[in-house]
Amino acid sequence: MAEIFNRKKALEFLDNDTELLEILLQTFLETEFSKDHLLKLITDKKLEEAASYTHRVKGAGRQLAMEKLALSGQALEDVLRKKSQGNPWELTEIFYNDYMEVSALIKNLNS
């Protein structure tokens, strides 16, 4: 099963630079992600823009070893880009929940 956040793997990606990891985690928390905005893009049939919006968050999560977020983001992005079948509304909910879960975990690690 995919982990919410794999700190060991994230550090391996960054040559064990803990200071850089803390900076990147803080930047991740400060980067705006809005489920409402994503849903509006989907409703307005701006699927390419919705896919790019998803890709940005998913990519940051992947680089920081936020495994659940990376997986749910990839599933949503693939549907938005018509690479696979699925319900974008349900996948958006899963992706957003994974985003909120990892954000809460990071905030708790830093407090």
PDB file of N, CA and C in Angstrom:
ATOM      1  N   MET A   1       0.846  -1.196   0.000  1.00  0.00           N
ATOM      2  CA  MET A   1       0.000   0.000   0.000  1.00  0.00           C
ATOM      3  C   MET A   1       0.887   1.255   0.000  1.00  0.00           C
ATOM      4  N   ALA A   2       0.463   2.253  -0.724  1.00  0.00           N
ATOM      5  CA  ALA A   2       1.220   3.497  -0.829  1.00  0.00           C
ATOM      6  C   ALA A   2       1.174   4.263   0.490  1.00  0.00           C
ATOM      7  N   GLU A   3       2.290   4.853   0.821  1.00  0.00           N
ATOM      8  CA  GLU A   3       2.382   5.648   2.041  1.00  0.00           C
ATOM      9  C   GLU A   3       1.903   7.072   1.794  1.00  0.00           C
ATOM     10  N   ILE A   4       1.445   7.695   2.872  1.00  0.00           N
ATOM     11  CA  ILE A   4       1.063   9.105   2.782  1.00  0.00           C
ATOM     12  C   ILE A   4       2.313   9.929   2.471  1.00  0.00           C
ATOM     13  N   PHE A   5       3.361   9.706   3.247  1.00  0.00           N
ATOM     14  CA  PHE A   5       4.616  10.432   3.067  1.00  0.00           C
ATOM     15  C   PHE A   5       5.749   9.511   3.486  1.00  0.00           C
ATOM     16  N   ASN A   6       6.670   9.255   2.581  1.00  0.00           N
ATOM     17  CA  ASN A   6       7.812   8.397   2.852  1.00  0.00           C
ATOM     18  C   ASN A   6       9.039   9.298   3.023  1.00  0.00           C
ATOM     19  N   ARG A   7       9.273   9.709   4.254  1.00  0.00           N
ATOM     20  CA  ARG A   7      10.369  10.652   4.538  1.00  0.00           C
ATOM     21  C   ARG A   7      11.725  10.100   4.107  1.00  0.00           C
ATOM     22  N   LYS A   8      11.950   8.810   4.355  1.00  0.00           N
ATOM     23  CA  LYS A   8      13.229   8.204   3.990  1.00  0.00           C
ATOM     24  C   LYS A   8      13.470   8.307   2.488  1.00  0.00           C
ATOM     25  N   LYS A   9      12.440   7.981   1.705  1.00  0.00           N
ATOM     26  CA  LYS A   9      12.564   8.060   0.247  1.00  0.00           C
ATOM     27  C   LYS A   9      12.744   9.504  -0.212  1.00  0.00           C
ATOM     28  N   ALA A  10      12.008  10.425   0.401  1.00  0.00           N
ATOM     29  CA  ALA A  10      12.141  11.841   0.041  1.00  0.00           C
ATOM     30  C   ALA A  10      13.570  12.314   0.283  1.00  0.00           C
ATOM     31  N   LEU A  11      14.137  11.918   1.409  1.00  0.00           N
ATOM     32  CA  LEU A  11      15.524  12.298   1.705  1.00  0.00           C
ATOM     33  C   LEU A  11      16.499  11.671   0.709  1.00  0.00           C
ATOM     34  N   GLU A  12      16.228  10.443   0.299  1.00  0.00           N
ATOM     35  CA  GLU A  12      17.087   9.807  -0.709  1.00  0.00           C
ATOM     36  C   GLU A  12      17.059  10.601  -2.008  1.00  0.00           C
ATOM     37  N   PHE A  13      15.878  11.088  -2.405  1.00  0.00           N
ATOM     38  CA  PHE A  13      15.762  11.908  -3.615  1.00  0.00           C
ATOM     39  C   PHE A  13      16.608  13.169  -3.517  1.00  0.00           C
ATOM     40  N   LEU A  14      16.813  13.645  -2.270  1.00  0.00           N
ATOM     41  CA  LEU A  14      17.496  14.924  -2.038  1.00  0.00           C
ATOM     42  C   LEU A  14      18.897  14.742  -1.458  1.00  0.00           C
ATOM     43  N   ASP A  15      19.494  13.588  -1.682  1.00  0.00           N
ATOM     44  CA  ASP A  15      20.839  13.295  -1.159  1.00  0.00           C
ATOM     45  C   ASP A  15      20.938  13.544   0.338  1.00  0.00           C
ATOM     46  N   ASN A  16      19.878  13.181   1.061  1.00  0.00           N
ATOM     47  CA  ASN A  16      19.810  13.296   2.522  1.00  0.00           C
ATOM     48  C   ASN A  16      19.979  14.728   3.048  1.00  0.00           C
ATOM     49  N   ASP A  17      19.580  15.685   2.258  1.00  0.00           N
ATOM     50  CA  ASP A  17      19.636  17.095   2.664  1.00  0.00           C
ATOM     51  C   ASP A  17      18.349  17.436   3.427  1.00  0.00           C
ATOM     52  N   THR A  18      18.390  17.312   4.749  1.00  0.00           N
ATOM     53  CA  THR A  18      17.195  17.530   5.568  1.00  0.00           C
ATOM     54  C   THR A  18      16.723  18.982   5.510  1.00  0.00           C
ATOM     55  N   GLU A  19      17.657  19.905   5.422  1.00  0.00           N
ATOM     56  CA  GLU A  19      17.274  21.316   5.340  1.00  0.00           C
ATOM     57  C   GLU A  19      16.486  21.586   4.059  1.00  0.00           C
ATOM     58  N   LEU A  20      16.958  21.043   2.947  1.00  0.00           N
ATOM     59  CA  LEU A  20      16.248  21.224   1.673  1.00  0.00           C
ATOM     60  C   LEU A  20      14.873  20.573   1.740  1.00  0.00           C
ATOM     61  N   LEU A  21      14.781  19.404   2.350  1.00  0.00           N
ATOM     62  CA  LEU A  21      13.481  18.745   2.482  1.00  0.00           C
ATOM     63  C   LEU A  21      12.512  19.622   3.258  1.00  0.00           C
ATOM     64  N   GLU A  22      12.953  20.208   4.349  1.00  0.00           N
ATOM     65  CA  GLU A  22      12.075  21.072   5.144  1.00  0.00           C
ATOM     66  C   GLU A  22      11.611  22.284   4.339  1.00  0.00           C
ATOM     67  N   ILE A  23      12.509  22.848   3.545  1.00  0.00           N
ATOM     68  CA  ILE A  23      12.149  23.991   2.692  1.00  0.00           C
ATOM     69  C   ILE A  23      11.100  23.565   1.662  1.00  0.00           C
ATOM     70  N   LEU A  24      11.315  22.424   1.027  1.00  0.00           N
ATOM     71  CA  LEU A  24      10.382  21.948   0.004  1.00  0.00           C
ATOM     72  C   LEU A  24       9.028  21.579   0.593  1.00  0.00           C
ATOM     73  N   LEU A  25       9.026  20.992   1.784  1.00  0.00           N
ATOM     74  CA  LEU A  25       7.757  20.670   2.434  1.00  0.00           C
ATOM     75  C   LEU A  25       6.987  21.944   2.777  1.00  0.00           C
ATOM     76  N   GLN A  26       7.699  22.948   3.262  1.00  0.00           N
ATOM     77  CA  GLN A  26       7.046  24.217   3.585  1.00  0.00           C
ATOM     78  C   GLN A  26       6.503  24.873   2.312  1.00  0.00           C
ATOM     79  N   THR A  27       7.267  24.824   1.240  1.00  0.00           N
ATOM     80  CA  THR A  27       6.819  25.372  -0.040  1.00  0.00           C
ATOM     81  C   THR A  27       5.576  24.628  -0.531  1.00  0.00           C
ATOM     82  N   PHE A  28       5.563  23.302  -0.366  1.00  0.00           N
ATOM     83  CA  PHE A  28       4.397  22.517  -0.749  1.00  0.00           C
ATOM     84  C   PHE A  28       3.164  23.004   0.006  1.00  0.00           C
ATOM     85  N   LEU A  29       3.309  23.226   1.307  1.00  0.00           N
ATOM     86  CA  LEU A  29       2.179  23.686   2.116  1.00  0.00           C
ATOM     87  C   LEU A  29       1.701  25.075   1.705  1.00  0.00           C
ATOM     88  N   GLU A  30       2.608  25.899   1.253  1.00  0.00           N
ATOM     89  CA  GLU A  30       2.276  27.276   0.890  1.00  0.00           C
ATOM     90  C   GLU A  30       1.712  27.394  -0.533  1.00  0.00           C
ATOM     91  N   THR A  31       1.851  26.341  -1.331  1.00  0.00           N
ATOM     92  CA  THR A  31       1.361  26.360  -2.702  1.00  0.00           C
ATOM     93  C   THR A  31      -0.140  26.092  -2.687  1.00  0.00           C
ATOM     94  N   GLU A  32      -0.874  26.986  -3.287  1.00  0.00           N
ATOM     95  CA  GLU A  32      -2.332  26.885  -3.262  1.00  0.00           C
ATOM     96  C   GLU A  32      -2.826  25.748  -4.145  1.00  0.00           C
ATOM     97  N   PHE A  33      -3.742  24.976  -3.601  1.00  0.00           N
ATOM     98  CA  PHE A  33      -4.461  23.970  -4.363  1.00  0.00           C
ATOM     99  C   PHE A  33      -5.915  24.052  -3.939  1.00  0.00           C
ATOM    100  N   SER A  34      -6.793  24.265  -4.903  1.00  0.00           N
ATOM    101  CA  SER A  34      -8.212  24.448  -4.619  1.00  0.00           C
ATOM    102  C   SER A  34      -9.037  23.379  -5.330  1.00  0.00           C
ATOM    103  N   LYS A  35      -9.725  22.567  -4.554  1.00  0.00           N
ATOM    104  CA  LYS A  35     -10.620  21.570  -5.136  1.00  0.00           C
ATOM    105  C   LYS A  35     -11.709  22.273  -5.942  1.00  0.00           C
ATOM    106  N   ASP A  36     -12.228  23.387  -5.431  1.00  0.00           N
ATOM    107  CA  ASP A  36     -13.287  24.114  -6.141  1.00  0.00           C
ATOM    108  C   ASP A  36     -12.811  24.582  -7.517  1.00  0.00           C
ATOM    109  N   HIS A  37     -11.583  25.075  -7.579  1.00  0.00           N
ATOM    110  CA  HIS A  37     -11.033  25.525  -8.858  1.00  0.00           C
ATOM    111  C   HIS A  37     -10.910  24.345  -9.824  1.00  0.00           C
ATOM    112  N   LEU A  38     -10.417  23.239  -9.328  1.00  0.00           N
ATOM    113  CA  LEU A  38     -10.269  22.054 -10.174  1.00  0.00           C
ATOM    114  C   LEU A  38     -11.633  21.575 -10.675  1.00  0.00           C
ATOM    115  N   LEU A  39     -12.621  21.529  -9.797  1.00  0.00           N
ATOM    116  CA  LEU A  39     -13.960  21.102 -10.204  1.00  0.00           C
ATOM    117  C   LEU A  39     -14.571  22.058 -11.227  1.00  0.00           C
ATOM    118  N   LYS A  40     -14.314  23.350 -11.082  1.00  0.00           N
ATOM    119  CA  LYS A  40     -14.823  24.327 -12.055  1.00  0.00           C
ATOM    120  C   LYS A  40     -14.190  24.100 -13.426  1.00  0.00           C
ATOM    121  N   LEU A  41     -12.884  23.818 -13.442  1.00  0.00           N
ATOM    122  CA  LEU A  41     -12.229  23.529 -14.720  1.00  0.00           C
ATOM    123  C   LEU A  41     -12.857  22.309 -15.391  1.00  0.00           C
ATOM    124  N   ILE A  42     -13.148  21.294 -14.593  1.00  0.00           N
ATOM    125  CA  ILE A  42     -13.767  20.083 -15.140  1.00  0.00           C
ATOM    126  C   ILE A  42     -15.181  20.396 -15.635  1.00  0.00           C
ATOM    127  N   THR A  43     -15.952  21.114 -14.832  1.00  0.00           N
ATOM    128  CA  THR A  43     -17.318  21.485 -15.216  1.00  0.00           C
ATOM    129  C   THR A  43     -17.332  22.289 -16.507  1.00  0.00           C
ATOM    130  N   ASP A  44     -16.364  23.204 -16.638  1.00  0.00           N
ATOM    131  CA  ASP A  44     -16.269  24.045 -17.828  1.00  0.00           C
ATOM    132  C   ASP A  44     -15.632  23.321 -19.018  1.00  0.00           C
ATOM    133  N   LYS A  45     -15.354  22.027 -18.837  1.00  0.00           N
ATOM    134  CA  LYS A  45     -14.758  21.181 -19.888  1.00  0.00           C
ATOM    135  C   LYS A  45     -13.379  21.674 -20.319  1.00  0.00           C
ATOM    136  N   LYS A  46     -12.675  22.320 -19.396  1.00  0.00           N
ATOM    137  CA  LYS A  46     -11.292  22.739 -19.632  1.00  0.00           C
ATOM    138  C   LYS A  46     -10.385  21.627 -19.107  1.00  0.00           C
ATOM    139  N   LEU A  47     -10.487  20.466 -19.754  1.00  0.00           N
ATOM    140  CA  LEU A  47      -9.835  19.271 -19.239  1.00  0.00           C
ATOM    141  C   LEU A  47      -8.315  19.343 -19.310  1.00  0.00           C
ATOM    142  N   GLU A  48      -7.776  19.960 -20.334  1.00  0.00           N
ATOM    143  CA  GLU A  48      -6.319  20.083 -20.432  1.00  0.00           C
ATOM    144  C   GLU A  48      -5.779  20.970 -19.306  1.00  0.00           C
ATOM    145  N   GLU A  49      -6.484  22.058 -19.041  1.00  0.00           N
ATOM    146  CA  GLU A  49      -6.091  22.946 -17.945  1.00  0.00           C
ATOM    147  C   GLU A  49      -6.238  22.238 -16.593  1.00  0.00           C
ATOM    148  N   ALA A  50      -7.302  21.466 -16.437  1.00  0.00           N
ATOM    149  CA  ALA A  50      -7.516  20.695 -15.210  1.00  0.00           C
ATOM    150  C   ALA A  50      -6.413  19.653 -15.044  1.00  0.00           C
ATOM    151  N   ALA A  51      -6.013  19.020 -16.149  1.00  0.00           N
ATOM    152  CA  ALA A  51      -4.937  18.033 -16.095  1.00  0.00           C
ATOM    153  C   ALA A  51      -3.616  18.681 -15.697  1.00  0.00           C
ATOM    154  N   SER A  52      -3.338  19.858 -16.231  1.00  0.00           N
ATOM    155  CA  SER A  52      -2.099  20.570 -15.876  1.00  0.00           C
ATOM    156  C   SER A  52      -2.100  20.993 -14.415  1.00  0.00           C
ATOM    157  N   TYR A  53      -3.241  21.436 -13.935  1.00  0.00           N
ATOM    158  CA  TYR A  53      -3.387  21.835 -12.527  1.00  0.00           C
ATOM    159  C   TYR A  53      -3.138  20.633 -11.617  1.00  0.00           C
ATOM    160  N   THR A  54      -3.719  19.505 -11.985  1.00  0.00           N
ATOM    161  CA  THR A  54      -3.518  18.266 -11.241  1.00  0.00           C
ATOM    162  C   THR A  54      -2.059  17.838 -11.308  1.00  0.00           C
ATOM    163  N   HIS A  55      -1.479  17.919 -12.495  1.00  0.00           N
ATOM    164  CA  HIS A  55      -0.086  17.502 -12.717  1.00  0.00           C
ATOM    165  C   HIS A  55       0.886  18.255 -11.805  1.00  0.00           C
ATOM    166  N   ARG A  56       0.653  19.535 -11.639  1.00  0.00           N
ATOM    167  CA  ARG A  56       1.541  20.356 -10.816  1.00  0.00           C
ATOM    168  C   ARG A  56       1.587  19.846  -9.374  1.00  0.00           C
ATOM    169  N   VAL A  57       0.429  19.590  -8.822  1.00  0.00           N
ATOM    170  CA  VAL A  57       0.351  19.123  -7.430  1.00  0.00           C
ATOM    171  C   VAL A  57       0.855  17.684  -7.324  1.00  0.00           C
ATOM    172  N   LYS A  58       0.439  16.854  -8.267  1.00  0.00           N
ATOM    173  CA  LYS A  58       0.873  15.456  -8.283  1.00  0.00           C
ATOM    174  C   LYS A  58       2.383  15.362  -8.407  1.00  0.00           C
ATOM    175  N   GLY A  59       2.950  16.157  -9.290  1.00  0.00           N
ATOM    176  CA  GLY A  59       4.398  16.135  -9.507  1.00  0.00           C
ATOM    177  C   GLY A  59       5.175  16.547  -8.268  1.00  0.00           C
ATOM    178  N   ALA A  60       4.706  17.573  -7.599  1.00  0.00           N
ATOM    179  CA  ALA A  60       5.357  17.995  -6.354  1.00  0.00           C
ATOM    180  C   ALA A  60       5.267  16.877  -5.323  1.00  0.00           C
ATOM    181  N   GLY A  61       4.106  16.246  -5.246  1.00  0.00           N
ATOM    182  CA  GLY A  61       3.938  15.136  -4.316  1.00  0.00           C
ATOM    183  C   GLY A  61       4.853  13.974  -4.642  1.00  0.00           C
ATOM    184  N   ARG A  62       4.990  13.670  -5.908  1.00  0.00           N
ATOM    185  CA  ARG A  62       5.863  12.560  -6.317  1.00  0.00           C
ATOM    186  C   ARG A  62       7.315  12.859  -5.947  1.00  0.00           C
ATOM    187  N   GLN A  63       7.761  14.077  -6.181  1.00  0.00           N
ATOM    188  CA  GLN A  63       9.147  14.440  -5.878  1.00  0.00           C
ATOM    189  C   GLN A  63       9.442  14.429  -4.375  1.00  0.00           C
ATOM    190  N   LEU A  64       8.390  14.560  -3.580  1.00  0.00           N
ATOM    191  CA  LEU A  64       8.549  14.559  -2.124  1.00  0.00           C
ATOM    192  C   LEU A  64       8.095  13.234  -1.504  1.00  0.00           C
ATOM    193  N   ALA A  65       7.954  12.202  -2.325  1.00  0.00           N
ATOM    194  CA  ALA A  65       7.599  10.847  -1.870  1.00  0.00           C
ATOM    195  C   ALA A  65       6.269  10.817  -1.119  1.00  0.00           C
ATOM    196  N   MET A  66       5.321  11.595  -1.609  1.00  0.00           N
ATOM    197  CA  MET A  66       3.945  11.562  -1.104  1.00  0.00           C
ATOM    198  C   MET A  66       3.210  10.570  -2.002  1.00  0.00           C
ATOM    199  N   GLU A  67       3.371   9.300  -1.676  1.00  0.00           N
ATOM    200  CA  GLU A  67       3.017   8.237  -2.597  1.00  0.00           C
ATOM    201  C   GLU A  67       1.519   8.158  -2.909  1.00  0.00           C
ATOM    202  N   LYS A  68       0.657   8.263  -1.899  1.00  0.00           N
ATOM    203  CA  LYS A  68      -0.794   8.205  -2.150  1.00  0.00           C
ATOM    204  C   LYS A  68      -1.232   9.353  -3.044  1.00  0.00           C
ATOM    205  N   LEU A  69      -0.733  10.548  -2.772  1.00  0.00           N
ATOM    206  CA  LEU A  69      -1.081  11.724  -3.561  1.00  0.00           C
ATOM    207  C   LEU A  69      -0.613  11.556  -5.005  1.00  0.00           C
ATOM    208  N   ALA A  70       0.588  11.041  -5.189  1.00  0.00           N
ATOM    209  CA  ALA A  70       1.112  10.835  -6.539  1.00  0.00           C
ATOM    210  C   ALA A  70       0.254   9.834  -7.313  1.00  0.00           C
ATOM    211  N   LEU A  71      -0.179   8.778  -6.652  1.00  0.00           N
ATOM    212  CA  LEU A  71      -0.993   7.763  -7.324  1.00  0.00           C
ATOM    213  C   LEU A  71      -2.387   8.279  -7.671  1.00  0.00           C
ATOM    214  N   SER A  72      -3.032   8.924  -6.719  1.00  0.00           N
ATOM    215  CA  SER A  72      -4.378   9.432  -7.006  1.00  0.00           C
ATOM    216  C   SER A  72      -4.332  10.562  -8.024  1.00  0.00           C
ATOM    217  N   GLY A  73      -3.290  11.372  -7.970  1.00  0.00           N
ATOM    218  CA  GLY A  73      -3.132  12.440  -8.958  1.00  0.00           C
ATOM    219  C   GLY A  73      -2.900  11.896 -10.352  1.00  0.00           C
ATOM    220  N   GLN A  74      -2.110  10.826 -10.447  1.00  0.00           N
ATOM    221  CA  GLN A  74      -1.859  10.213 -11.755  1.00  0.00           C
ATOM    222  C   GLN A  74      -3.143   9.628 -12.327  1.00  0.00           C
ATOM    223  N   ALA A  75      -3.931   8.975 -11.472  1.00  0.00           N
ATOM    224  CA  ALA A  75      -5.203   8.400 -11.938  1.00  0.00           C
ATOM    225  C   ALA A  75      -6.128   9.493 -12.465  1.00  0.00           C
ATOM    226  N   LEU A  76      -6.221  10.601 -11.737  1.00  0.00           N
ATOM    227  CA  LEU A  76      -7.063  11.714 -12.180  1.00  0.00           C
ATOM    228  C   LEU A  76      -6.530  12.336 -13.458  1.00  0.00           C
ATOM    229  N   GLU A  77      -5.237  12.574 -13.491  1.00  0.00           N
ATOM    230  CA  GLU A  77      -4.641  13.180 -14.680  1.00  0.00           C
ATOM    231  C   GLU A  77      -4.859  12.306 -15.910  1.00  0.00           C
ATOM    232  N   ASP A  78      -4.708  11.001 -15.767  1.00  0.00           N
ATOM    233  CA  ASP A  78      -4.908  10.097 -16.901  1.00  0.00           C
ATOM    234  C   ASP A  78      -6.342  10.171 -17.434  1.00  0.00           C
ATOM    235  N   VAL A  79      -7.312  10.274 -16.541  1.00  0.00           N
ATOM    236  CA  VAL A  79      -8.712  10.400 -16.976  1.00  0.00           C
ATOM    237  C   VAL A  79      -8.922  11.746 -17.670  1.00  0.00           C
ATOM    238  N   LEU A  80      -8.373  12.800 -17.094  1.00  0.00           N
ATOM    239  CA  LEU A  80      -8.541  14.126 -17.698  1.00  0.00           C
ATOM    240  C   LEU A  80      -7.889  14.214 -19.072  1.00  0.00           C
ATOM    241  N   ARG A  81      -6.792  13.498 -19.255  1.00  0.00           N
ATOM    242  CA  ARG A  81      -6.094  13.496 -20.555  1.00  0.00           C
ATOM    243  C   ARG A  81      -6.627  12.393 -21.483  1.00  0.00           C
ATOM    244  N   LYS A  82      -7.669  11.702 -21.029  1.00  0.00           N
ATOM    245  CA  LYS A  82      -8.338  10.643 -21.797  1.00  0.00           C
ATOM    246  C   LYS A  82      -7.408   9.470 -22.111  1.00  0.00           C
ATOM    247  N   LYS A  83      -6.468   9.215 -21.194  1.00  0.00           N
ATOM    248  CA  LYS A  83      -5.590   8.053 -21.322  1.00  0.00           C
ATOM    249  C   LYS A  83      -6.221   6.824 -20.680  1.00  0.00           C
ATOM    250  N   SER A  84      -7.207   7.056 -19.825  1.00  0.00           N
ATOM    251  CA  SER A  84      -7.926   5.948 -19.193  1.00  0.00           C
ATOM    252  C   SER A  84      -9.348   6.397 -18.871  1.00  0.00           C
ATOM    253  N   GLN A  85     -10.174   5.438 -18.502  1.00  0.00           N
ATOM    254  CA  GLN A  85     -11.568   5.701 -18.174  1.00  0.00           C
ATOM    255  C   GLN A  85     -11.710   5.883 -16.663  1.00  0.00           C
ATOM    256  N   GLY A  86     -12.644   6.706 -16.269  1.00  0.00           N
ATOM    257  CA  GLY A  86     -12.910   6.891 -14.853  1.00  0.00           C
ATOM    258  C   GLY A  86     -13.807   8.092 -14.636  1.00  0.00           C
ATOM    259  N   ASN A  87     -14.223   8.250 -13.407  1.00  0.00           N
ATOM    260  CA  ASN A  87     -15.096   9.354 -13.032  1.00  0.00           C
ATOM    261  C   ASN A  87     -14.244  10.488 -12.466  1.00  0.00           C
ATOM    262  N   PRO A  88     -14.114  11.594 -13.206  1.00  0.00           N
ATOM    263  CA  PRO A  88     -13.251  12.674 -12.729  1.00  0.00           C
ATOM    264  C   PRO A  88     -13.737  13.298 -11.418  1.00  0.00           C
ATOM    265  N   TRP A  89     -15.046  13.251 -11.168  1.00  0.00           N
ATOM    266  CA  TRP A  89     -15.589  13.826  -9.932  1.00  0.00           C
ATOM    267  C   TRP A  89     -15.131  13.008  -8.722  1.00  0.00           C
ATOM    268  N   GLU A  90     -15.258  11.693  -8.841  1.00  0.00           N
ATOM    269  CA  GLU A  90     -14.826  10.814  -7.746  1.00  0.00           C
ATOM    270  C   GLU A  90     -13.317  10.873  -7.562  1.00  0.00           C
ATOM    271  N   LEU A  91     -12.586  10.871  -8.670  1.00  0.00           N
ATOM    272  CA  LEU A  91     -11.120  10.910  -8.591  1.00  0.00           C
ATOM    273  C   LEU A  91     -10.631  12.233  -8.013  1.00  0.00           C
ATOM    274  N   THR A  92     -11.336  13.315  -8.304  1.00  0.00           N
ATOM    275  CA  THR A  92     -10.982  14.605  -7.723  1.00  0.00           C
ATOM    276  C   THR A  92     -11.148  14.562  -6.202  1.00  0.00           C
ATOM    277  N   GLU A  93     -12.215  13.945  -5.750  1.00  0.00           N
ATOM    278  CA  GLU A  93     -12.461  13.831  -4.310  1.00  0.00           C
ATOM    279  C   GLU A  93     -11.356  13.023  -3.623  1.00  0.00           C
ATOM    280  N   ILE A  94     -10.967  11.914  -4.234  1.00  0.00           N
ATOM    281  CA  ILE A  94      -9.893  11.085  -3.683  1.00  0.00           C
ATOM    282  C   ILE A  94      -8.587  11.871  -3.661  1.00  0.00           C
ATOM    283  N   PHE A  95      -8.276  12.534  -4.771  1.00  0.00           N
ATOM    284  CA  PHE A  95      -7.042  13.324  -4.877  1.00  0.00           C
ATOM    285  C   PHE A  95      -7.014  14.428  -3.826  1.00  0.00           C
ATOM    286  N   TYR A  96      -8.110  15.126  -3.683  1.00  0.00           N
ATOM    287  CA  TYR A  96      -8.180  16.207  -2.702  1.00  0.00           C
ATOM    288  C   TYR A  96      -8.037  15.660  -1.276  1.00  0.00           C
ATOM    289  N   ASN A  97      -8.683  14.546  -0.987  1.00  0.00           N
ATOM    290  CA  ASN A  97      -8.546  13.946   0.341  1.00  0.00           C
ATOM    291  C   ASN A  97      -7.103  13.533   0.626  1.00  0.00           C
ATOM    292  N   ASP A  98      -6.429  12.983  -0.378  1.00  0.00           N
ATOM    293  CA  ASP A  98      -5.015  12.626  -0.210  1.00  0.00           C
ATOM    294  C   ASP A  98      -4.168  13.871   0.010  1.00  0.00           C
ATOM    295  N   TYR A  99      -4.488  14.938  -0.705  1.00  0.00           N
ATOM    296  CA  TYR A  99      -3.778  16.220  -0.530  1.00  0.00           C
ATOM    297  C   TYR A  99      -3.970  16.746   0.896  1.00  0.00           C
ATOM    298  N   MET A 100      -5.187  16.714   1.376  1.00  0.00           N
ATOM    299  CA  MET A 100      -5.464  17.200   2.732  1.00  0.00           C
ATOM    300  C   MET A 100      -4.779  16.326   3.779  1.00  0.00           C
ATOM    301  N   GLU A 101      -4.757  15.033   3.546  1.00  0.00           N
ATOM    302  CA  GLU A 101      -4.129  14.107   4.484  1.00  0.00           C
ATOM    303  C   GLU A 101      -2.627  14.350   4.590  1.00  0.00           C
ATOM    304  N   VAL A 102      -1.973  14.485   3.451  1.00  0.00           N
ATOM    305  CA  VAL A 102      -0.526  14.703   3.493  1.00  0.00           C
ATOM    306  C   VAL A 102      -0.213  16.096   4.036  1.00  0.00           C
ATOM    307  N   SER A 103      -1.040  17.088   3.725  1.00  0.00           N
ATOM    308  CA  SER A 103      -0.820  18.437   4.258  1.00  0.00           C
ATOM    309  C   SER A 103      -0.927  18.444   5.774  1.00  0.00           C
ATOM    310  N   ALA A 104      -1.923  17.748   6.316  1.00  0.00           N
ATOM    311  CA  ALA A 104      -2.098  17.667   7.772  1.00  0.00           C
ATOM    312  C   ALA A 104      -0.917  16.942   8.405  1.00  0.00           C
ATOM    313  N   LEU A 105      -0.443  15.884   7.780  1.00  0.00           N
ATOM    314  CA  LEU A 105       0.694  15.143   8.312  1.00  0.00           C
ATOM    315  C   LEU A 105       1.933  16.029   8.368  1.00  0.00           C
ATOM    316  N   ILE A 106       2.201  16.757   7.300  1.00  0.00           N
ATOM    317  CA  ILE A 106       3.378  17.639   7.261  1.00  0.00           C
ATOM    318  C   ILE A 106       3.266  18.730   8.326  1.00  0.00           C
ATOM    319  N   LYS A 107       2.088  19.313   8.463  1.00  0.00           N
ATOM    320  CA  LYS A 107       1.893  20.344   9.491  1.00  0.00           C
ATOM    321  C   LYS A 107       2.162  19.780  10.875  1.00  0.00           C
ATOM    322  N   ASN A 108       1.711  18.547  11.123  1.00  0.00           N
ATOM    323  CA  ASN A 108       1.940  17.919  12.429  1.00  0.00           C
ATOM    324  C   ASN A 108       3.418  17.600  12.654  1.00  0.00           C
ATOM    325  N   LEU A 109       4.130  17.246  11.592  1.00  0.00           N
ATOM    326  CA  LEU A 109       5.561  16.982  11.721  1.00  0.00           C
ATOM    327  C   LEU A 109       6.326  18.252  12.092  1.00  0.00           C
ATOM    328  N   ASN A 110       5.852  19.375  11.595  1.00  0.00           N
ATOM    329  CA  ASN A 110       6.532  20.649  11.822  1.00  0.00           C
ATOM    330  C   ASN A 110       6.106  21.355  13.105  1.00  0.00           C
ATOM    331  N   SER A 111       5.137  20.790  13.828  1.00  0.00           N
ATOM    332  CA  SER A 111       4.687  21.491  15.035  1.00  0.00           C
ATOM    333  C   SER A 111       5.270  20.876  16.295  1.00  0.00           C
TER     334      SER A 111
END
